[in-house]
Amino acid sequence: MTGEPAFFEIGVEDPERGRAFYGALFGWTFEPGPSGSGFAIGTPGLPGGMHGGDRDASPYLFFQVENMDAALTRVRELGGTIEEADVEGDDDSVRAFGRFRLCRDDQGSPFGLHQRPAAS
């Protein structure tokens, strides 16, 4: 459903340390992520991810959209911006995890959009 929280992403300096910390704190499970430098996080509820090289980052919350391109157009129409950094990865990761884009609302607050992968 469009607008439903779909995914969260935690940025840390060292993903291995992050895995140890959050795994011990919450009992989350971790699998290698699509880029090979982070993790896909399994939780009892919302799926997540963790990437490295991002000390002092705030977690991102991604909201589900049905059509990424239409949603990005709407963000711009409403005065928001789209971050230039590509968080979607290569074709294999898009097929496995879907499309992700970081955005900012019209006041500069960060959020993300997620389009689920196409059904196989």
C-alpha atoms as a PDB file:
ATOM      1  CA  MET A   1       0.000   0.000   0.000  1.00  0.00           C
ATOM      2  CA  THR A   2       1.403   3.388  -0.950  1.00  0.00           C
ATOM      3  CA  GLY A   3       2.673   5.382   2.027  1.00  0.00           C
ATOM      4  CA  GLU A   4       3.117   2.366   4.288  1.00  0.00           C
ATOM      5  CA  PRO A   5       6.511   2.126   6.021  1.00  0.00           C
ATOM      6  CA  ALA A   6       8.382  -0.425   3.929  1.00  0.00           C
ATOM      7  CA  PHE A   7      12.050  -0.486   4.957  1.00  0.00           C
ATOM      8  CA  PHE A   8      14.567   1.172   7.273  1.00  0.00           C
ATOM      9  CA  GLU A   9      18.275   1.804   6.762  1.00  0.00           C
ATOM     10  CA  ILE A  10      20.888   2.378   9.456  1.00  0.00           C
ATOM     11  CA  GLY A  11      24.175   4.068   8.612  1.00  0.00           C
ATOM     12  CA  VAL A  12      27.158   3.218  10.812  1.00  0.00           C
ATOM     13  CA  GLU A  13      30.913   3.675  10.550  1.00  0.00           C
ATOM     14  CA  ASP A  14      31.676  -0.063  10.825  1.00  0.00           C
ATOM     15  CA  PRO A  15      28.950  -2.515   9.715  1.00  0.00           C
ATOM     16  CA  GLU A  16      30.504  -5.455  11.588  1.00  0.00           C
ATOM     17  CA  ARG A  17      30.373  -3.521  14.858  1.00  0.00           C
ATOM     18  CA  GLY A  18      26.837  -2.403  14.021  1.00  0.00           C
ATOM     19  CA  ARG A  19      25.808  -6.004  13.381  1.00  0.00           C
ATOM     20  CA  ALA A  20      27.235  -7.080  16.746  1.00  0.00           C
ATOM     21  CA  PHE A  21      25.563  -4.200  18.605  1.00  0.00           C
ATOM     22  CA  TYR A  22      22.075  -4.379  17.081  1.00  0.00           C
ATOM     23  CA  GLY A  23      22.111  -8.171  16.935  1.00  0.00           C
ATOM     24  CA  ALA A  24      22.845  -8.361  20.665  1.00  0.00           C
ATOM     25  CA  LEU A  25      20.423  -5.550  21.527  1.00  0.00           C
ATOM     26  CA  PHE A  26      17.391  -6.653  19.490  1.00  0.00           C
ATOM     27  CA  GLY A  27      18.145 -10.224  18.358  1.00  0.00           C
ATOM     28  CA  TRP A  28      18.034  -9.168  14.692  1.00  0.00           C
ATOM     29  CA  THR A  29      19.494 -11.450  12.002  1.00  0.00           C
ATOM     30  CA  PHE A  30      21.911 -10.228   9.346  1.00  0.00           C
ATOM     31  CA  GLU A  31      22.681 -11.415   5.812  1.00  0.00           C
ATOM     32  CA  PRO A  32      25.235  -9.892   3.417  1.00  0.00           C
ATOM     33  CA  GLY A  33      23.692  -6.925   1.627  1.00  0.00           C
ATOM     34  CA  PRO A  34      23.483  -6.400  -2.120  1.00  0.00           C
ATOM     35  CA  SER A  35      26.580  -4.185  -2.259  1.00  0.00           C
ATOM     36  CA  GLY A  36      28.709  -6.612  -0.257  1.00  0.00           C
ATOM     37  CA  SER A  37      29.665  -3.871   2.205  1.00  0.00           C
ATOM     38  CA  GLY A  38      26.639  -3.952   4.468  1.00  0.00           C
ATOM     39  CA  PHE A  39      23.808  -6.139   5.641  1.00  0.00           C
ATOM     40  CA  ALA A  40      20.164  -6.904   5.031  1.00  0.00           C
ATOM     41  CA  ILE A  41      18.507  -6.962   8.459  1.00  0.00           C
ATOM     42  CA  GLY A  42      15.798  -9.391   9.482  1.00  0.00           C
ATOM     43  CA  THR A  43      13.461  -8.184  12.217  1.00  0.00           C
ATOM     44  CA  PRO A  44      10.133  -9.492  13.518  1.00  0.00           C
ATOM     45  CA  GLY A  45       8.445  -6.642  11.623  1.00  0.00           C
ATOM     46  CA  LEU A  46       9.890  -4.193   9.120  1.00  0.00           C
ATOM     47  CA  PRO A  47      12.887  -5.339   7.014  1.00  0.00           C
ATOM     48  CA  GLY A  48      15.994  -3.206   7.106  1.00  0.00           C
ATOM     49  CA  GLY A  49      19.521  -2.657   5.958  1.00  0.00           C
ATOM     50  CA  MET A  50      22.822  -1.396   7.305  1.00  0.00           C
ATOM     51  CA  HIS A  51      25.604   0.360   5.408  1.00  0.00           C
ATOM     52  CA  GLY A  52      29.056   1.472   6.490  1.00  0.00           C
ATOM     53  CA  GLY A  53      31.108   4.642   6.230  1.00  0.00           C
ATOM     54  CA  ASP A  54      28.324   6.827   7.605  1.00  0.00           C
ATOM     55  CA  ARG A  55      29.294   7.775  11.168  1.00  0.00           C
ATOM     56  CA  ASP A  56      26.628   9.677  13.150  1.00  0.00           C
ATOM     57  CA  ALA A  57      23.939   9.021  10.514  1.00  0.00           C
ATOM     58  CA  SER A  58      20.289   9.091  11.465  1.00  0.00           C
ATOM     59  CA  PRO A  59      18.237   6.062  10.424  1.00  0.00           C
ATOM     60  CA  TYR A  60      16.212   6.453   7.228  1.00  0.00           C
ATOM     61  CA  LEU A  61      12.618   5.341   6.962  1.00  0.00           C
ATOM     62  CA  PHE A  62      11.476   4.330   3.481  1.00  0.00           C
ATOM     63  CA  PHE A  63       7.823   4.573   2.475  1.00  0.00           C
ATOM     64  CA  GLN A  64       6.329   2.232  -0.090  1.00  0.00           C
ATOM     65  CA  VAL A  65       5.281   3.546  -3.500  1.00  0.00           C
ATOM     66  CA  GLU A  66       3.724   1.683  -6.414  1.00  0.00           C
ATOM     67  CA  ASN A  67       5.570   3.638  -9.123  1.00  0.00           C
ATOM     68  CA  MET A  68       8.955   5.127  -8.247  1.00  0.00           C
ATOM     69  CA  ASP A  69       9.194   7.461 -11.228  1.00  0.00           C
ATOM     70  CA  ALA A  70       5.725   8.939 -10.597  1.00  0.00           C
ATOM     71  CA  ALA A  71       6.485   9.340  -6.877  1.00  0.00           C
ATOM     72  CA  LEU A  72       9.766  11.148  -7.599  1.00  0.00           C
ATOM     73  CA  THR A  73       7.951  13.497  -9.959  1.00  0.00           C
ATOM     74  CA  ARG A  74       5.383  14.209  -7.232  1.00  0.00           C
ATOM     75  CA  VAL A  75       8.116  14.902  -4.638  1.00  0.00           C
ATOM     76  CA  ARG A  76       9.570  17.560  -6.945  1.00  0.00           C
ATOM     77  CA  GLU A  77       6.122  19.037  -7.711  1.00  0.00           C
ATOM     78  CA  LEU A  78       5.522  19.446  -3.971  1.00  0.00           C
ATOM     79  CA  GLY A  79       8.820  21.301  -3.454  1.00  0.00           C
ATOM     80  CA  GLY A  80      10.885  18.366  -2.237  1.00  0.00           C
ATOM     81  CA  THR A  81      14.220  17.202  -3.606  1.00  0.00           C
ATOM     82  CA  ILE A  82      15.745  13.904  -4.659  1.00  0.00           C
ATOM     83  CA  GLU A  83      19.207  13.056  -3.338  1.00  0.00           C
ATOM     84  CA  GLU A  84      21.687  12.537  -6.158  1.00  0.00           C
ATOM     85  CA  ALA A  85      23.279   9.461  -4.587  1.00  0.00           C
ATOM     86  CA  ASP A  86      21.953   6.280  -6.188  1.00  0.00           C
ATOM     87  CA  VAL A  87      20.899   3.823  -3.493  1.00  0.00           C
ATOM     88  CA  GLU A  88      19.274   1.420  -5.935  1.00  0.00           C
ATOM     89  CA  GLY A  89      22.380  -0.601  -6.771  1.00  0.00           C
ATOM     90  CA  ASP A  90      22.808  -2.832  -9.798  1.00  0.00           C
ATOM     91  CA  ASP A  91      20.161  -4.808 -11.710  1.00  0.00           C
ATOM     92  CA  ASP A  92      20.558  -7.891  -9.481  1.00  0.00           C
ATOM     93  CA  SER A  93      19.941  -5.925  -6.285  1.00  0.00           C
ATOM     94  CA  VAL A  94      16.920  -4.140  -7.847  1.00  0.00           C
ATOM     95  CA  ARG A  95      15.447  -7.545  -8.793  1.00  0.00           C
ATOM     96  CA  ALA A  96      16.041  -8.852  -5.277  1.00  0.00           C
ATOM     97  CA  PHE A  97      15.257  -5.805  -3.123  1.00  0.00           C
ATOM     98  CA  GLY A  98      13.421  -3.302  -5.339  1.00  0.00           C
ATOM     99  CA  ARG A  99      14.167   0.373  -5.953  1.00  0.00           C
ATOM    100  CA  PHE A 100      15.174   2.831  -3.216  1.00  0.00           C
ATOM    101  CA  ARG A 101      15.622   6.601  -3.399  1.00  0.00           C
ATOM    102  CA  LEU A 102      16.535   9.111  -0.723  1.00  0.00           C
ATOM    103  CA  CYS A 103      14.556  12.349  -0.743  1.00  0.00           C
ATOM    104  CA  ARG A 104      13.997  15.488   1.310  1.00  0.00           C
ATOM    105  CA  ASP A 105      10.645  17.097   1.916  1.00  0.00           C
ATOM    106  CA  ASP A 106       9.935  20.781   1.237  1.00  0.00           C
ATOM    107  CA  GLN A 107      11.487  21.651   4.624  1.00  0.00           C
ATOM    108  CA  GLY A 108      14.668  19.625   4.110  1.00  0.00           C
ATOM    109  CA  SER A 109      13.794  16.605   6.287  1.00  0.00           C
ATOM    110  CA  PRO A 110      15.127  13.310   4.887  1.00  0.00           C
ATOM    111  CA  PHE A 111      12.988  10.276   4.029  1.00  0.00           C
ATOM    112  CA  GLY A 112      13.126   7.447   1.527  1.00  0.00           C
ATOM    113  CA  LEU A 113      10.902   5.864  -1.095  1.00  0.00           C
ATOM    114  CA  HIS A 114      10.803   2.126  -1.818  1.00  0.00           C
ATOM    115  CA  GLN A 115       9.233   0.309  -4.750  1.00  0.00           C
ATOM    116  CA  ARG A 116       9.056  -3.430  -4.171  1.00  0.00           C
ATOM    117  CA  PRO A 117      10.730  -5.717  -6.699  1.00  0.00           C
ATOM    118  CA  ALA A 118       8.629  -6.887  -9.613  1.00  0.00           C
ATOM    119  CA  ALA A 119       6.981 -10.267  -9.097  1.00  0.00           C
ATOM    120  CA  SER A 120       8.920 -13.064 -10.758  1.00  0.00           C
END
